[in-house]
Structures are given as structure tokens and as C-alpha cells.
């Protein structure tokens, strides 16, 4: 239950944060939510990864579908990718890794401080 709630909260707060602040706030949101929810290191990584990947997928598709994939196809050609779907996939994976590693570091930091205090 905590995993699903943290994933949804990361997705929603990342969308809200990037509307008003720079894109890298996804890492801060993922870090803070994972620190508060006290998930294990593995679950924190997956929660951050899926939360940010879901947000970036929705954000990319909301911008990409109305312009008929023109920009993503050109960017895919620039990076020598065969089609725009692979370009979108790479972007979603990069975003997911940023969120996952941020959430993982929060869980690892919380575990480290909890073990040294006792």
C-alpha cells in the first residue's frame, strides 16, 4: 500500500513541481517522498522509477501526439534512432533512472542514519 501511494504521490508532486520549477525537481520530489514513506531501498527505487517514468511518459505523449510526432522523429534521427518510439522510450528510461536513483539515495540515507543512532 505504501509503495502504490508513494508512486502516485511522486507522479503528482513531480507534475506540480515541474510546472513551476526546473525539470530536475523530479529528483527532489522523489527524494523527499521516499524519505518520508520509509520504504526499503529496492521498493524506494522502484517507486521513484515508476513514478517519474509514468509522469514523463504522460508529459511526452501530451506534447508529442498533437504535433504528430514530428519533433520526436527528428530528435530520434539526430541520435541515430530508427523511430520516434525508441526516442520516447529512452527519454522515459532516463527520467525513471533519475527518479529511481534519487529515491534509492533517500532510502539509503535514512537507513544509514537510523542504524548509526541506535
C-alpha atoms as a PDB file:
ATOM      1  CA  UNK A   1       0.000   0.000   0.000  1.00  0.00           C
ATOM      2  CA  UNK A   2       2.837   2.389   0.841  1.00  0.00           C
ATOM      3  CA  UNK A   3       4.511   1.539  -2.466  1.00  0.00           C
ATOM      4  CA  UNK A   4       1.468   2.439  -4.563  1.00  0.00           C
ATOM      5  CA  UNK A   5       0.764   5.568  -2.534  1.00  0.00           C
ATOM      6  CA  UNK A   6       4.346   6.777  -2.811  1.00  0.00           C
ATOM      7  CA  UNK A   7       4.425   6.094  -6.563  1.00  0.00           C
ATOM      8  CA  UNK A   8       1.224   8.061  -7.149  1.00  0.00           C
ATOM      9  CA  UNK A   9       2.377  10.878  -4.864  1.00  0.00           C
ATOM     10  CA  UNK A  10       5.725  11.091  -6.664  1.00  0.00           C
ATOM     11  CA  UNK A  11       3.923  11.292 -10.018  1.00  0.00           C
ATOM     12  CA  UNK A  12       1.525  14.015  -8.902  1.00  0.00           C
ATOM     13  CA  UNK A  13       4.068  16.108  -6.996  1.00  0.00           C
ATOM     14  CA  UNK A  14       6.580  15.863  -9.847  1.00  0.00           C
ATOM     15  CA  UNK A  15       3.961  17.155 -12.277  1.00  0.00           C
ATOM     16  CA  UNK A  16       3.134  20.013  -9.948  1.00  0.00           C
ATOM     17  CA  UNK A  17       6.777  20.826  -9.213  1.00  0.00           C
ATOM     18  CA  UNK A  18       7.926  20.863 -12.825  1.00  0.00           C
ATOM     19  CA  UNK A  19       5.059  23.144 -13.769  1.00  0.00           C
ATOM     20  CA  UNK A  20       6.522  25.879 -11.567  1.00  0.00           C
ATOM     21  CA  UNK A  21      10.200  24.904 -11.227  1.00  0.00           C
ATOM     22  CA  UNK A  22      13.016  23.351 -13.329  1.00  0.00           C
ATOM     23  CA  UNK A  23      12.895  19.774 -14.607  1.00  0.00           C
ATOM     24  CA  UNK A  24      15.406  18.494 -12.050  1.00  0.00           C
ATOM     25  CA  UNK A  25      12.895  18.997  -9.253  1.00  0.00           C
ATOM     26  CA  UNK A  26      11.733  15.471 -10.068  1.00  0.00           C
ATOM     27  CA  UNK A  27      14.806  14.260  -8.179  1.00  0.00           C
ATOM     28  CA  UNK A  28      13.988  16.398  -5.145  1.00  0.00           C
ATOM     29  CA  UNK A  29      10.363  15.250  -5.112  1.00  0.00           C
ATOM     30  CA  UNK A  30      11.366  11.616  -5.436  1.00  0.00           C
ATOM     31  CA  UNK A  31      13.949  12.013  -2.658  1.00  0.00           C
ATOM     32  CA  UNK A  32      11.569  13.694  -0.207  1.00  0.00           C
ATOM     33  CA  UNK A  33       8.647  11.325  -0.788  1.00  0.00           C
ATOM     34  CA  UNK A  34      10.859   8.246  -0.421  1.00  0.00           C
ATOM     35  CA  UNK A  35      12.440   9.631   2.727  1.00  0.00           C
ATOM     36  CA  UNK A  36       9.034  10.286   4.294  1.00  0.00           C
ATOM     37  CA  UNK A  37       7.405   6.978   3.312  1.00  0.00           C
ATOM     38  CA  UNK A  38      10.295   4.909   4.738  1.00  0.00           C
ATOM     39  CA  UNK A  39      10.300   2.249   2.046  1.00  0.00           C
ATOM     40  CA  UNK A  40      13.040  -0.322   1.704  1.00  0.00           C
ATOM     41  CA  UNK A  41      15.860   0.539  -0.677  1.00  0.00           C
ATOM     42  CA  UNK A  42      14.553  -1.665  -3.501  1.00  0.00           C
ATOM     43  CA  UNK A  43      10.952  -0.551  -3.182  1.00  0.00           C
ATOM     44  CA  UNK A  44      12.057   3.084  -2.973  1.00  0.00           C
ATOM     45  CA  UNK A  45      14.000   2.737  -6.218  1.00  0.00           C
ATOM     46  CA  UNK A  46      11.051   1.108  -7.988  1.00  0.00           C
ATOM     47  CA  UNK A  47       8.615   3.681  -6.621  1.00  0.00           C
ATOM     48  CA  UNK A  48      10.770   6.577  -7.805  1.00  0.00           C
ATOM     49  CA  UNK A  49      11.454   4.928 -11.139  1.00  0.00           C
ATOM     50  CA  UNK A  50       7.831   4.118 -11.946  1.00  0.00           C
ATOM     51  CA  UNK A  51       6.504   7.413 -10.602  1.00  0.00           C
ATOM     52  CA  UNK A  52       8.809   9.607 -12.687  1.00  0.00           C
ATOM     53  CA  UNK A  53       8.672   7.313 -15.731  1.00  0.00           C
ATOM     54  CA  UNK A  54       4.884   7.496 -15.678  1.00  0.00           C
ATOM     55  CA  UNK A  55       4.962  11.276 -15.345  1.00  0.00           C
ATOM     56  CA  UNK A  56       7.478  11.713 -18.181  1.00  0.00           C
ATOM     57  CA  UNK A  57       5.575   9.304 -20.439  1.00  0.00           C
ATOM     58  CA  UNK A  58       2.333  11.211 -19.973  1.00  0.00           C
ATOM     59  CA  UNK A  59       4.065  14.591 -20.379  1.00  0.00           C
ATOM     60  CA  UNK A  60       5.883  13.493 -23.539  1.00  0.00           C
ATOM     61  CA  UNK A  61       2.771  11.998 -25.110  1.00  0.00           C
ATOM     62  CA  UNK A  62       0.693  15.088 -24.309  1.00  0.00           C
ATOM     63  CA  UNK A  63       3.191  17.177 -26.267  1.00  0.00           C
ATOM     64  CA  UNK A  64       4.066  14.631 -28.939  1.00  0.00           C
ATOM     65  CA  UNK A  65       0.677  13.380 -30.123  1.00  0.00           C
ATOM     66  CA  UNK A  66      -0.786  16.796 -31.095  1.00  0.00           C
ATOM     67  CA  UNK A  67       2.214  17.601 -33.338  1.00  0.00           C
ATOM     68  CA  UNK A  68       2.059  14.141 -34.959  1.00  0.00           C
ATOM     69  CA  UNK A  69       5.456  13.017 -33.616  1.00  0.00           C
ATOM     70  CA  UNK A  70       7.397  15.461 -35.794  1.00  0.00           C
ATOM     71  CA  UNK A  71       9.835  16.681 -33.141  1.00  0.00           C
ATOM     72  CA  UNK A  72      10.453  13.259 -31.586  1.00  0.00           C
ATOM     73  CA  UNK A  73      11.065  11.752 -35.030  1.00  0.00           C
ATOM     74  CA  UNK A  74      13.605  14.464 -35.838  1.00  0.00           C
ATOM     75  CA  UNK A  75      15.309  14.084 -32.469  1.00  0.00           C
ATOM     76  CA  UNK A  76      15.378  10.327 -32.989  1.00  0.00           C
ATOM     77  CA  UNK A  77      17.092  10.868 -36.345  1.00  0.00           C
ATOM     78  CA  UNK A  78      19.573  13.218 -34.689  1.00  0.00           C
ATOM     79  CA  UNK A  79      20.552  10.464 -32.239  1.00  0.00           C
ATOM     80  CA  UNK A  80      20.517   7.791 -34.985  1.00  0.00           C
ATOM     81  CA  UNK A  81      17.483   6.004 -33.567  1.00  0.00           C
ATOM     82  CA  UNK A  82      15.297   4.134 -36.055  1.00  0.00           C
ATOM     83  CA  UNK A  83      11.958   5.673 -34.980  1.00  0.00           C
ATOM     84  CA  UNK A  84      10.328   8.099 -32.588  1.00  0.00           C
ATOM     85  CA  UNK A  85       9.062   5.361 -30.243  1.00  0.00           C
ATOM     86  CA  UNK A  86      12.600   4.398 -29.336  1.00  0.00           C
ATOM     87  CA  UNK A  87      13.412   8.051 -28.651  1.00  0.00           C
ATOM     88  CA  UNK A  88      10.411   8.319 -26.323  1.00  0.00           C
ATOM     89  CA  UNK A  89      11.408   5.062 -24.610  1.00  0.00           C
ATOM     90  CA  UNK A  90      14.951   6.302 -23.989  1.00  0.00           C
ATOM     91  CA  UNK A  91      13.613   9.557 -22.534  1.00  0.00           C
ATOM     92  CA  UNK A  92      11.229   7.733 -20.222  1.00  0.00           C
ATOM     93  CA  UNK A  93      14.024   5.415 -19.043  1.00  0.00           C
ATOM     94  CA  UNK A  94      16.339   8.354 -18.330  1.00  0.00           C
ATOM     95  CA  UNK A  95      13.635  10.095 -16.329  1.00  0.00           C
ATOM     96  CA  UNK A  96      12.871   6.889 -14.477  1.00  0.00           C
ATOM     97  CA  UNK A  97      16.523   6.415 -13.599  1.00  0.00           C
ATOM     98  CA  UNK A  98      16.759   9.957 -12.226  1.00  0.00           C
ATOM     99  CA  UNK A  99      13.710   9.374 -10.041  1.00  0.00           C
ATOM    100  CA  UNK A 100      14.752   5.876  -9.023  1.00  0.00           C
ATOM    101  CA  UNK A 101      18.286   6.801  -8.058  1.00  0.00           C
ATOM    102  CA  UNK A 102      17.047   9.791  -6.113  1.00  0.00           C
ATOM    103  CA  UNK A 103      14.550   7.680  -4.185  1.00  0.00           C
ATOM    104  CA  UNK A 104      17.189   4.994  -3.631  1.00  0.00           C
ATOM    105  CA  UNK A 105      19.608   7.524  -2.164  1.00  0.00           C
ATOM    106  CA  UNK A 106      16.902   8.808   0.206  1.00  0.00           C
ATOM    107  CA  UNK A 107      16.162   5.295   1.460  1.00  0.00           C
ATOM    108  CA  UNK A 108      19.866   4.503   1.816  1.00  0.00           C
ATOM    109  CA  UNK A 109      20.497   7.758   3.683  1.00  0.00           C
ATOM    110  CA  UNK A 110      17.568   7.122   6.023  1.00  0.00           C
ATOM    111  CA  UNK A 111      18.819   3.580   6.703  1.00  0.00           C
ATOM    112  CA  UNK A 112      22.324   4.836   7.389  1.00  0.00           C
ATOM    113  CA  UNK A 113      21.192   7.462   9.878  1.00  0.00           C
ATOM    114  CA  UNK A 114      18.736   5.097  11.557  1.00  0.00           C
ATOM    115  CA  UNK A 115      21.474   2.463  12.060  1.00  0.00           C
ATOM    116  CA  UNK A 116      24.063   4.900  13.456  1.00  0.00           C
ATOM    117  CA  UNK A 117      21.709   6.443  16.041  1.00  0.00           C
ATOM    118  CA  UNK A 118      20.920   3.166  17.810  1.00  0.00           C
END
